[in-house]
Amino acid sequence: MSSRLLLPLVCIFGLFAEVSAQEKPGSAPGKAPETKPVKVKPSKVSSAKGREREKLFTEWMPISALRTLNDKKREAGEQMIYFEYHEGKEQYRAIHSKAIRFNGWYWDVIYSEKSMEEEVASYKTRGFAPAFVVLERNFYQALFVKPEQLSETQKLLKDLGIEPPTVK
């Protein structure tokens, strides 16, 4: 495709993105919803509790398999409370618990500190707080829960040696 054809397409797609951002509920006409910038100091993961965590992890699996497993575990009364992403394998593993059931949650893998902080700010505006934000090599792994379940979630994580992130 020639660069003459590509530029109008980029401009058209840019226009659609701007229009859809303007039409989001709760935003002022002509403006995208604002999020306050945040600074995040990632969670510390204790190596002293590493063996204990290892016993609880699932096997490594693709994201689609983990999503399916999460659904099955939730039906059985278990909730994913922690996960890891392996960059080289492009696979995930998780720890589930019967001690809590979230009334709303998201999990995400994010590349770059700036993108991670933007995601944390975005989730905060949607009513979610980070239970953990862990930096592993080049990616941040994060779990977001409703604020009313944050302290209970972080207690479970602390028992596994995972400290809460600091959000400013």
N, C-alpha and C. Protein backbone atom coordinates (compact mmCIF):
# COMPACT_ATOMS: atom_id res chain seq x y z
N MET A 1 0.85 -1.17 0.00
CA MET A 1 0.00 0.00 0.00
C MET A 1 0.90 1.23 0.00
N SER A 2 0.58 2.20 -0.83
CA SER A 2 1.42 3.39 -0.92
C SER A 2 1.20 4.28 0.30
N SER A 3 2.19 5.14 0.56
CA SER A 3 2.07 6.04 1.72
C SER A 3 0.97 7.06 1.52
N ARG A 4 0.60 7.36 0.25
CA ARG A 4 -0.51 8.30 0.01
C ARG A 4 -1.84 7.72 0.47
N LEU A 5 -2.01 6.42 0.32
CA LEU A 5 -3.24 5.78 0.77
C LEU A 5 -3.24 5.55 2.27
N LEU A 6 -2.09 5.28 2.83
CA LEU A 6 -1.98 4.97 4.24
C LEU A 6 -2.30 6.17 5.13
N LEU A 7 -1.85 7.35 4.79
CA LEU A 7 -2.07 8.54 5.61
C LEU A 7 -3.56 8.83 5.80
N PRO A 8 -4.38 8.83 4.74
CA PRO A 8 -5.81 9.07 4.98
C PRO A 8 -6.44 8.01 5.87
N LEU A 9 -6.01 6.76 5.74
CA LEU A 9 -6.55 5.71 6.59
C LEU A 9 -6.19 5.96 8.05
N VAL A 10 -4.94 6.35 8.31
CA VAL A 10 -4.52 6.66 9.68
C VAL A 10 -5.35 7.81 10.23
N CYS A 11 -5.56 8.82 9.42
CA CYS A 11 -6.36 9.97 9.87
C CYS A 11 -7.80 9.57 10.16
N ILE A 12 -8.38 8.72 9.32
CA ILE A 12 -9.75 8.27 9.53
C ILE A 12 -9.84 7.47 10.82
N PHE A 13 -8.91 6.51 11.03
CA PHE A 13 -8.95 5.73 12.25
C PHE A 13 -8.70 6.61 13.47
N GLY A 14 -7.85 7.60 13.36
CA GLY A 14 -7.62 8.54 14.45
C GLY A 14 -8.88 9.30 14.79
N LEU A 15 -9.65 9.69 13.77
CA LEU A 15 -10.90 10.41 13.97
C LEU A 15 -11.90 9.51 14.70
N PHE A 16 -12.02 8.24 14.29
CA PHE A 16 -12.94 7.33 14.95
C PHE A 16 -12.57 7.14 16.41
N ALA A 17 -11.29 7.03 16.70
CA ALA A 17 -10.85 6.86 18.09
C ALA A 17 -11.22 8.08 18.91
N GLU A 18 -11.05 9.29 18.33
CA GLU A 18 -11.38 10.51 19.05
C GLU A 18 -12.87 10.63 19.28
N VAL A 19 -13.68 10.29 18.29
CA VAL A 19 -15.13 10.36 18.43
C VAL A 19 -15.61 9.37 19.49
N SER A 20 -15.09 8.13 19.47
CA SER A 20 -15.53 7.15 20.45
C SER A 20 -15.12 7.56 21.86
N ALA A 21 -13.95 8.18 22.02
CA ALA A 21 -13.52 8.64 23.35
C ALA A 21 -14.44 9.75 23.83
N GLN A 22 -14.90 10.60 22.92
CA GLN A 22 -15.79 11.69 23.30
C GLN A 22 -17.16 11.20 23.71
N GLU A 23 -17.57 10.06 23.20
CA GLU A 23 -18.91 9.58 23.45
C GLU A 23 -19.02 8.65 24.65
N LYS A 24 -17.94 8.45 25.39
CA LYS A 24 -17.99 7.58 26.56
C LYS A 24 -18.88 8.21 27.62
N PRO A 25 -19.69 7.39 28.29
CA PRO A 25 -20.55 7.93 29.35
C PRO A 25 -19.72 8.60 30.43
N GLY A 26 -20.22 9.70 30.92
CA GLY A 26 -19.54 10.40 32.00
C GLY A 26 -18.47 11.37 31.55
N SER A 27 -18.21 11.44 30.24
CA SER A 27 -17.20 12.38 29.78
C SER A 27 -17.87 13.63 29.26
N ALA A 28 -17.16 14.72 29.39
CA ALA A 28 -17.68 15.98 28.88
C ALA A 28 -17.63 15.95 27.36
N PRO A 29 -18.59 16.62 26.70
CA PRO A 29 -18.55 16.64 25.23
C PRO A 29 -17.22 17.17 24.74
N GLY A 30 -16.62 16.44 23.82
CA GLY A 30 -15.37 16.89 23.22
C GLY A 30 -14.13 16.54 24.02
N LYS A 31 -14.28 15.88 25.17
CA LYS A 31 -13.12 15.52 25.99
C LYS A 31 -13.18 14.06 26.38
N ALA A 32 -12.02 13.42 26.40
CA ALA A 32 -11.93 12.05 26.90
C ALA A 32 -11.94 12.11 28.42
N PRO A 33 -12.43 11.06 29.10
CA PRO A 33 -12.42 11.07 30.56
C PRO A 33 -10.99 11.25 31.08
N GLU A 34 -10.87 12.06 32.12
CA GLU A 34 -9.54 12.34 32.67
C GLU A 34 -9.19 11.36 33.77
N THR A 35 -7.94 10.94 33.78
CA THR A 35 -7.43 10.14 34.87
C THR A 35 -6.25 10.89 35.46
N LYS A 36 -6.19 10.89 36.79
CA LYS A 36 -5.08 11.55 37.46
C LYS A 36 -3.85 10.66 37.33
N PRO A 37 -2.71 11.24 37.01
CA PRO A 37 -1.49 10.42 36.94
C PRO A 37 -1.15 9.84 38.31
N VAL A 38 -0.60 8.65 38.31
CA VAL A 38 -0.18 8.02 39.55
C VAL A 38 1.25 7.54 39.41
N LYS A 39 1.91 7.38 40.53
CA LYS A 39 3.22 6.75 40.59
C LYS A 39 3.03 5.47 41.38
N VAL A 40 3.62 4.40 40.89
CA VAL A 40 3.44 3.10 41.53
C VAL A 40 4.80 2.48 41.83
N LYS A 41 4.97 2.10 43.08
CA LYS A 41 6.14 1.31 43.47
C LYS A 41 5.66 -0.13 43.53
N PRO A 42 6.20 -1.00 42.68
CA PRO A 42 5.69 -2.38 42.61
C PRO A 42 5.79 -3.13 43.92
N SER A 43 5.00 -4.19 44.01
CA SER A 43 4.98 -5.09 45.15
C SER A 43 6.31 -5.80 45.29
N LYS A 44 6.68 -6.11 46.51
CA LYS A 44 7.85 -6.95 46.76
C LYS A 44 7.34 -8.38 46.93
N VAL A 45 8.08 -9.31 46.33
CA VAL A 45 7.73 -10.73 46.44
C VAL A 45 8.86 -11.41 47.20
N SER A 46 8.53 -11.95 48.36
CA SER A 46 9.51 -12.56 49.25
C SER A 46 10.02 -13.89 48.69
N SER A 47 11.34 -14.00 48.61
CA SER A 47 11.92 -15.28 48.18
C SER A 47 11.80 -16.32 49.30
N ALA A 48 11.68 -15.87 50.55
CA ALA A 48 11.57 -16.79 51.68
C ALA A 48 10.31 -17.65 51.60
N LYS A 49 9.26 -17.14 50.96
CA LYS A 49 8.02 -17.91 50.83
C LYS A 49 7.88 -18.53 49.45
N GLY A 50 8.95 -18.53 48.68
CA GLY A 50 8.93 -19.05 47.31
C GLY A 50 8.54 -20.51 47.23
N ARG A 51 9.06 -21.33 48.12
CA ARG A 51 8.73 -22.77 48.10
C ARG A 51 7.25 -22.99 48.39
N GLU A 52 6.72 -22.21 49.33
CA GLU A 52 5.30 -22.32 49.67
C GLU A 52 4.43 -21.95 48.47
N ARG A 53 4.80 -20.87 47.77
CA ARG A 53 4.05 -20.46 46.58
C ARG A 53 4.15 -21.52 45.48
N GLU A 54 5.35 -22.06 45.28
CA GLU A 54 5.57 -23.06 44.22
C GLU A 54 4.59 -24.23 44.33
N LYS A 55 4.30 -24.66 45.55
CA LYS A 55 3.40 -25.79 45.76
C LYS A 55 1.96 -25.45 45.35
N LEU A 56 1.62 -24.17 45.33
CA LEU A 56 0.24 -23.75 45.06
C LEU A 56 -0.02 -23.40 43.60
N PHE A 57 1.04 -23.15 42.84
CA PHE A 57 0.86 -22.73 41.45
C PHE A 57 0.29 -23.84 40.57
N THR A 58 -0.47 -23.42 39.57
CA THR A 58 -0.89 -24.32 38.50
C THR A 58 0.33 -24.57 37.60
N GLU A 59 0.18 -25.41 36.62
CA GLU A 59 1.21 -25.59 35.60
C GLU A 59 1.22 -24.34 34.71
N TRP A 60 2.29 -24.14 33.95
CA TRP A 60 2.34 -23.06 32.97
C TRP A 60 1.37 -23.38 31.85
N MET A 61 0.65 -22.36 31.36
CA MET A 61 -0.34 -22.57 30.30
C MET A 61 -0.56 -21.30 29.50
N PRO A 62 -1.10 -21.42 28.28
CA PRO A 62 -1.44 -20.24 27.49
C PRO A 62 -2.57 -19.46 28.15
N ILE A 63 -2.71 -18.22 27.78
CA ILE A 63 -3.72 -17.35 28.40
C ILE A 63 -5.13 -17.91 28.24
N SER A 64 -5.44 -18.48 27.09
CA SER A 64 -6.79 -19.02 26.88
C SER A 64 -7.08 -20.16 27.86
N ALA A 65 -6.09 -21.00 28.12
CA ALA A 65 -6.27 -22.09 29.08
C ALA A 65 -6.44 -21.55 30.50
N LEU A 66 -5.70 -20.50 30.85
CA LEU A 66 -5.84 -19.92 32.19
C LEU A 66 -7.22 -19.28 32.36
N ARG A 67 -7.70 -18.62 31.34
CA ARG A 67 -9.05 -18.04 31.42
C ARG A 67 -10.10 -19.13 31.66
N THR A 68 -9.98 -20.22 30.92
CA THR A 68 -10.91 -21.34 31.09
C THR A 68 -10.79 -21.93 32.49
N LEU A 69 -9.56 -22.11 32.96
CA LEU A 69 -9.34 -22.64 34.30
C LEU A 69 -9.93 -21.70 35.35
N ASN A 70 -9.72 -20.39 35.19
CA ASN A 70 -10.28 -19.42 36.14
C ASN A 70 -11.79 -19.56 36.23
N ASP A 71 -12.45 -19.73 35.09
CA ASP A 71 -13.91 -19.89 35.07
C ASP A 71 -14.32 -21.17 35.83
N LYS A 72 -13.62 -22.26 35.57
CA LYS A 72 -13.93 -23.53 36.24
C LYS A 72 -13.68 -23.43 37.74
N LYS A 73 -12.58 -22.80 38.11
CA LYS A 73 -12.26 -22.64 39.53
C LYS A 73 -13.31 -21.77 40.24
N ARG A 74 -13.75 -20.71 39.57
CA ARG A 74 -14.77 -19.85 40.17
C ARG A 74 -16.07 -20.62 40.40
N GLU A 75 -16.43 -21.45 39.43
CA GLU A 75 -17.63 -22.29 39.58
C GLU A 75 -17.49 -23.24 40.77
N ALA A 76 -16.27 -23.65 41.06
CA ALA A 76 -15.99 -24.55 42.18
C ALA A 76 -15.73 -23.79 43.48
N GLY A 77 -15.87 -22.47 43.46
CA GLY A 77 -15.70 -21.67 44.67
C GLY A 77 -14.28 -21.20 44.93
N GLU A 78 -13.43 -21.23 43.90
CA GLU A 78 -12.05 -20.76 44.06
C GLU A 78 -11.82 -19.52 43.20
N GLN A 79 -10.95 -18.67 43.67
CA GLN A 79 -10.65 -17.40 43.00
C GLN A 79 -9.16 -17.30 42.73
N MET A 80 -8.79 -16.84 41.53
CA MET A 80 -7.39 -16.58 41.26
C MET A 80 -6.98 -15.36 42.07
N ILE A 81 -5.94 -15.52 42.90
CA ILE A 81 -5.48 -14.38 43.71
C ILE A 81 -4.09 -13.91 43.32
N TYR A 82 -3.37 -14.74 42.55
CA TYR A 82 -2.03 -14.35 42.13
C TYR A 82 -1.69 -15.11 40.84
N PHE A 83 -0.90 -14.47 40.00
CA PHE A 83 -0.46 -15.14 38.78
C PHE A 83 0.90 -14.62 38.37
N GLU A 84 1.56 -15.39 37.54
CA GLU A 84 2.83 -14.98 36.96
C GLU A 84 2.76 -15.17 35.45
N TYR A 85 3.50 -14.33 34.75
CA TYR A 85 3.62 -14.43 33.30
C TYR A 85 5.07 -14.74 32.97
N HIS A 86 5.31 -15.75 32.15
CA HIS A 86 6.66 -16.10 31.72
C HIS A 86 6.85 -15.57 30.30
N GLU A 87 7.69 -14.56 30.20
CA GLU A 87 7.91 -13.87 28.93
C GLU A 87 8.43 -14.81 27.84
N GLY A 88 9.40 -15.64 28.17
CA GLY A 88 10.01 -16.53 27.18
C GLY A 88 9.04 -17.59 26.67
N LYS A 89 8.25 -18.14 27.58
CA LYS A 89 7.28 -19.18 27.20
C LYS A 89 5.98 -18.59 26.68
N GLU A 90 5.75 -17.30 26.97
CA GLU A 90 4.48 -16.64 26.69
C GLU A 90 3.34 -17.44 27.32
N GLN A 91 3.56 -17.83 28.59
CA GLN A 91 2.57 -18.61 29.32
C GLN A 91 2.39 -18.06 30.73
N TYR A 92 1.32 -18.54 31.37
CA TYR A 92 0.92 -18.06 32.68
C TYR A 92 0.76 -19.24 33.63
N ARG A 93 0.85 -18.92 34.93
CA ARG A 93 0.47 -19.87 35.97
C ARG A 93 -0.17 -19.06 37.09
N ALA A 94 -0.98 -19.72 37.90
CA ALA A 94 -1.75 -18.97 38.89
C ALA A 94 -1.88 -19.72 40.20
N ILE A 95 -2.24 -18.95 41.22
CA ILE A 95 -2.59 -19.49 42.53
C ILE A 95 -4.05 -19.11 42.77
N HIS A 96 -4.84 -20.11 43.15
CA HIS A 96 -6.26 -19.90 43.44
C HIS A 96 -6.51 -20.13 44.93
N SER A 97 -7.57 -19.53 45.44
CA SER A 97 -7.90 -19.67 46.85
C SER A 97 -9.41 -19.77 47.04
N LYS A 98 -9.81 -20.56 48.05
CA LYS A 98 -11.22 -20.65 48.42
C LYS A 98 -11.58 -19.60 49.47
N ALA A 99 -10.58 -18.84 49.94
CA ALA A 99 -10.77 -17.90 51.04
C ALA A 99 -11.49 -16.61 50.63
N ILE A 100 -11.60 -16.35 49.34
CA ILE A 100 -12.24 -15.11 48.90
C ILE A 100 -12.88 -15.33 47.54
N ARG A 101 -13.90 -14.56 47.28
CA ARG A 101 -14.53 -14.55 45.96
C ARG A 101 -14.78 -13.09 45.61
N PHE A 102 -14.13 -12.62 44.57
CA PHE A 102 -14.21 -11.20 44.22
C PHE A 102 -15.57 -10.84 43.64
N ASN A 103 -16.02 -9.63 43.96
CA ASN A 103 -17.27 -9.14 43.40
C ASN A 103 -17.00 -8.25 42.18
N GLY A 104 -15.82 -8.35 41.66
CA GLY A 104 -15.37 -7.62 40.48
C GLY A 104 -13.86 -7.63 40.50
N TRP A 105 -13.23 -7.98 39.38
CA TRP A 105 -11.78 -8.05 39.36
C TRP A 105 -11.28 -8.06 37.93
N TYR A 106 -10.03 -7.66 37.78
CA TYR A 106 -9.33 -7.69 36.49
C TYR A 106 -7.89 -8.10 36.75
N TRP A 107 -7.32 -8.78 35.79
CA TRP A 107 -5.89 -9.08 35.86
C TRP A 107 -5.30 -8.68 34.53
N ASP A 108 -4.04 -8.25 34.57
CA ASP A 108 -3.44 -7.66 33.39
C ASP A 108 -1.93 -7.87 33.39
N VAL A 109 -1.36 -7.96 32.21
CA VAL A 109 0.09 -7.97 32.01
C VAL A 109 0.39 -6.73 31.16
N ILE A 110 1.32 -5.92 31.63
CA ILE A 110 1.55 -4.61 31.02
C ILE A 110 3.03 -4.42 30.76
N TYR A 111 3.35 -3.92 29.59
CA TYR A 111 4.73 -3.65 29.22
C TYR A 111 5.02 -2.18 29.44
N SER A 112 6.01 -1.85 30.18
CA SER A 112 6.56 -0.52 30.47
C SER A 112 5.93 0.11 31.71
N GLU A 113 6.77 0.83 32.42
CA GLU A 113 6.34 1.49 33.65
C GLU A 113 5.25 2.52 33.38
N LYS A 114 5.42 3.30 32.34
CA LYS A 114 4.43 4.34 32.01
C LYS A 114 3.07 3.72 31.72
N SER A 115 3.05 2.66 30.91
CA SER A 115 1.78 1.99 30.60
C SER A 115 1.15 1.40 31.85
N MET A 116 1.96 0.83 32.73
CA MET A 116 1.44 0.25 33.96
C MET A 116 0.80 1.33 34.83
N GLU A 117 1.47 2.47 34.97
CA GLU A 117 0.92 3.54 35.79
C GLU A 117 -0.36 4.10 35.17
N GLU A 118 -0.41 4.17 33.85
CA GLU A 118 -1.64 4.60 33.18
C GLU A 118 -2.77 3.60 33.42
N GLU A 119 -2.46 2.30 33.40
CA GLU A 119 -3.47 1.27 33.66
C GLU A 119 -3.97 1.36 35.10
N VAL A 120 -3.07 1.53 36.06
CA VAL A 120 -3.48 1.66 37.46
C VAL A 120 -4.42 2.85 37.61
N ALA A 121 -4.06 3.99 37.02
CA ALA A 121 -4.92 5.18 37.09
C ALA A 121 -6.27 4.91 36.44
N SER A 122 -6.27 4.23 35.31
CA SER A 122 -7.51 3.92 34.60
C SER A 122 -8.41 3.01 35.43
N TYR A 123 -7.84 1.97 36.01
CA TYR A 123 -8.64 1.06 36.84
C TYR A 123 -9.17 1.78 38.07
N LYS A 124 -8.37 2.68 38.64
CA LYS A 124 -8.83 3.45 39.81
C LYS A 124 -10.07 4.27 39.46
N THR A 125 -10.09 4.89 38.28
CA THR A 125 -11.26 5.69 37.89
C THR A 125 -12.48 4.81 37.66
N ARG A 126 -12.26 3.52 37.40
CA ARG A 126 -13.38 2.59 37.21
C ARG A 126 -13.77 1.88 38.51
N GLY A 127 -13.14 2.28 39.61
CA GLY A 127 -13.52 1.73 40.91
C GLY A 127 -12.77 0.48 41.34
N PHE A 128 -11.53 0.30 40.88
CA PHE A 128 -10.74 -0.86 41.24
C PHE A 128 -9.40 -0.40 41.80
N ALA A 129 -8.85 -1.22 42.70
CA ALA A 129 -7.55 -0.91 43.32
C ALA A 129 -6.59 -2.07 43.05
N PRO A 130 -5.29 -1.77 42.92
CA PRO A 130 -4.34 -2.85 42.67
C PRO A 130 -4.04 -3.65 43.94
N ALA A 131 -4.30 -4.95 43.89
CA ALA A 131 -3.96 -5.83 45.01
C ALA A 131 -2.47 -6.13 44.98
N PHE A 132 -1.91 -6.29 43.77
CA PHE A 132 -0.48 -6.41 43.59
C PHE A 132 -0.11 -5.90 42.21
N VAL A 133 1.11 -5.41 42.11
CA VAL A 133 1.73 -5.03 40.84
C VAL A 133 3.16 -5.53 40.94
N VAL A 134 3.48 -6.55 40.16
CA VAL A 134 4.80 -7.17 40.25
C VAL A 134 5.54 -6.97 38.93
N LEU A 135 6.78 -6.53 39.02
CA LEU A 135 7.63 -6.40 37.84
C LEU A 135 8.47 -7.66 37.72
N GLU A 136 8.33 -8.35 36.61
CA GLU A 136 9.12 -9.55 36.33
C GLU A 136 9.73 -9.37 34.96
N ARG A 137 11.04 -9.17 34.94
CA ARG A 137 11.80 -8.88 33.72
C ARG A 137 11.26 -7.63 33.03
N ASN A 138 10.58 -7.78 31.88
CA ASN A 138 10.11 -6.61 31.14
C ASN A 138 8.62 -6.33 31.29
N PHE A 139 7.92 -7.14 32.09
CA PHE A 139 6.47 -7.00 32.18
C PHE A 139 6.01 -6.83 33.61
N TYR A 140 4.95 -6.04 33.77
CA TYR A 140 4.27 -5.87 35.05
C TYR A 140 3.05 -6.78 35.03
N GLN A 141 2.83 -7.48 36.12
CA GLN A 141 1.63 -8.29 36.31
C GLN A 141 0.84 -7.63 37.42
N ALA A 142 -0.47 -7.48 37.21
CA ALA A 142 -1.28 -6.78 38.19
C ALA A 142 -2.65 -7.43 38.33
N LEU A 143 -3.18 -7.35 39.55
CA LEU A 143 -4.52 -7.82 39.85
C LEU A 143 -5.26 -6.66 40.49
N PHE A 144 -6.44 -6.36 39.97
CA PHE A 144 -7.25 -5.24 40.46
C PHE A 144 -8.55 -5.79 41.05
N VAL A 145 -8.91 -5.30 42.24
CA VAL A 145 -10.12 -5.73 42.93
C VAL A 145 -10.90 -4.50 43.40
N LYS A 146 -12.12 -4.73 43.83
CA LYS A 146 -12.92 -3.65 44.40
C LYS A 146 -12.29 -3.23 45.74
N PRO A 147 -12.29 -1.93 46.04
CA PRO A 147 -11.64 -1.44 47.27
C PRO A 147 -12.13 -2.12 48.56
N GLU A 148 -13.41 -2.50 48.60
CA GLU A 148 -13.94 -3.13 49.82
C GLU A 148 -13.35 -4.53 50.04
N GLN A 149 -12.71 -5.11 49.04
CA GLN A 149 -12.09 -6.43 49.19
C GLN A 149 -10.56 -6.35 49.17
N LEU A 150 -10.02 -5.15 49.08
CA LEU A 150 -8.58 -4.97 48.97
C LEU A 150 -7.82 -5.47 50.19
N SER A 151 -8.22 -5.08 51.39
CA SER A 151 -7.45 -5.48 52.57
C SER A 151 -7.48 -6.99 52.77
N GLU A 152 -8.62 -7.62 52.54
CA GLU A 152 -8.72 -9.08 52.68
C GLU A 152 -7.85 -9.78 51.63
N THR A 153 -7.84 -9.26 50.41
CA THR A 153 -7.02 -9.82 49.34
C THR A 153 -5.54 -9.67 49.67
N GLN A 154 -5.16 -8.48 50.12
CA GLN A 154 -3.76 -8.24 50.44
C GLN A 154 -3.29 -9.06 51.64
N LYS A 155 -4.19 -9.39 52.55
CA LYS A 155 -3.82 -10.28 53.67
C LYS A 155 -3.49 -11.66 53.12
N LEU A 156 -4.30 -12.18 52.21
CA LEU A 156 -4.03 -13.48 51.60
C LEU A 156 -2.69 -13.46 50.86
N LEU A 157 -2.45 -12.38 50.14
CA LEU A 157 -1.19 -12.25 49.39
C LEU A 157 0.00 -12.14 50.34
N LYS A 158 -0.17 -11.39 51.42
CA LYS A 158 0.93 -11.24 52.39
C LYS A 158 1.31 -12.60 52.98
N ASP A 159 0.32 -13.46 53.21
CA ASP A 159 0.61 -14.81 53.70
C ASP A 159 1.46 -15.60 52.70
N LEU A 160 1.41 -15.20 51.42
CA LEU A 160 2.21 -15.84 50.37
C LEU A 160 3.52 -15.09 50.11
N GLY A 161 3.76 -14.03 50.90
CA GLY A 161 5.00 -13.26 50.74
C GLY A 161 4.92 -12.19 49.67
N ILE A 162 3.72 -11.74 49.34
CA ILE A 162 3.53 -10.72 48.30
C ILE A 162 2.99 -9.46 48.96
N GLU A 163 3.79 -8.42 48.96
CA GLU A 163 3.42 -7.15 49.58
C GLU A 163 2.56 -6.31 48.64
N PRO A 164 1.75 -5.42 49.17
CA PRO A 164 0.96 -4.54 48.30
C PRO A 164 1.84 -3.51 47.61
N PRO A 165 1.41 -3.01 46.47
CA PRO A 165 2.16 -1.94 45.82
C PRO A 165 1.90 -0.62 46.56
N THR A 166 2.77 0.34 46.33
CA THR A 166 2.55 1.69 46.87
C THR A 166 2.09 2.56 45.72
N VAL A 167 0.91 3.16 45.87
CA VAL A 167 0.34 4.01 44.83
C VAL A 167 0.22 5.42 45.35
N LYS A 168 0.84 6.36 44.64
CA LYS A 168 0.79 7.78 45.05
C LYS A 168 0.13 8.60 43.98
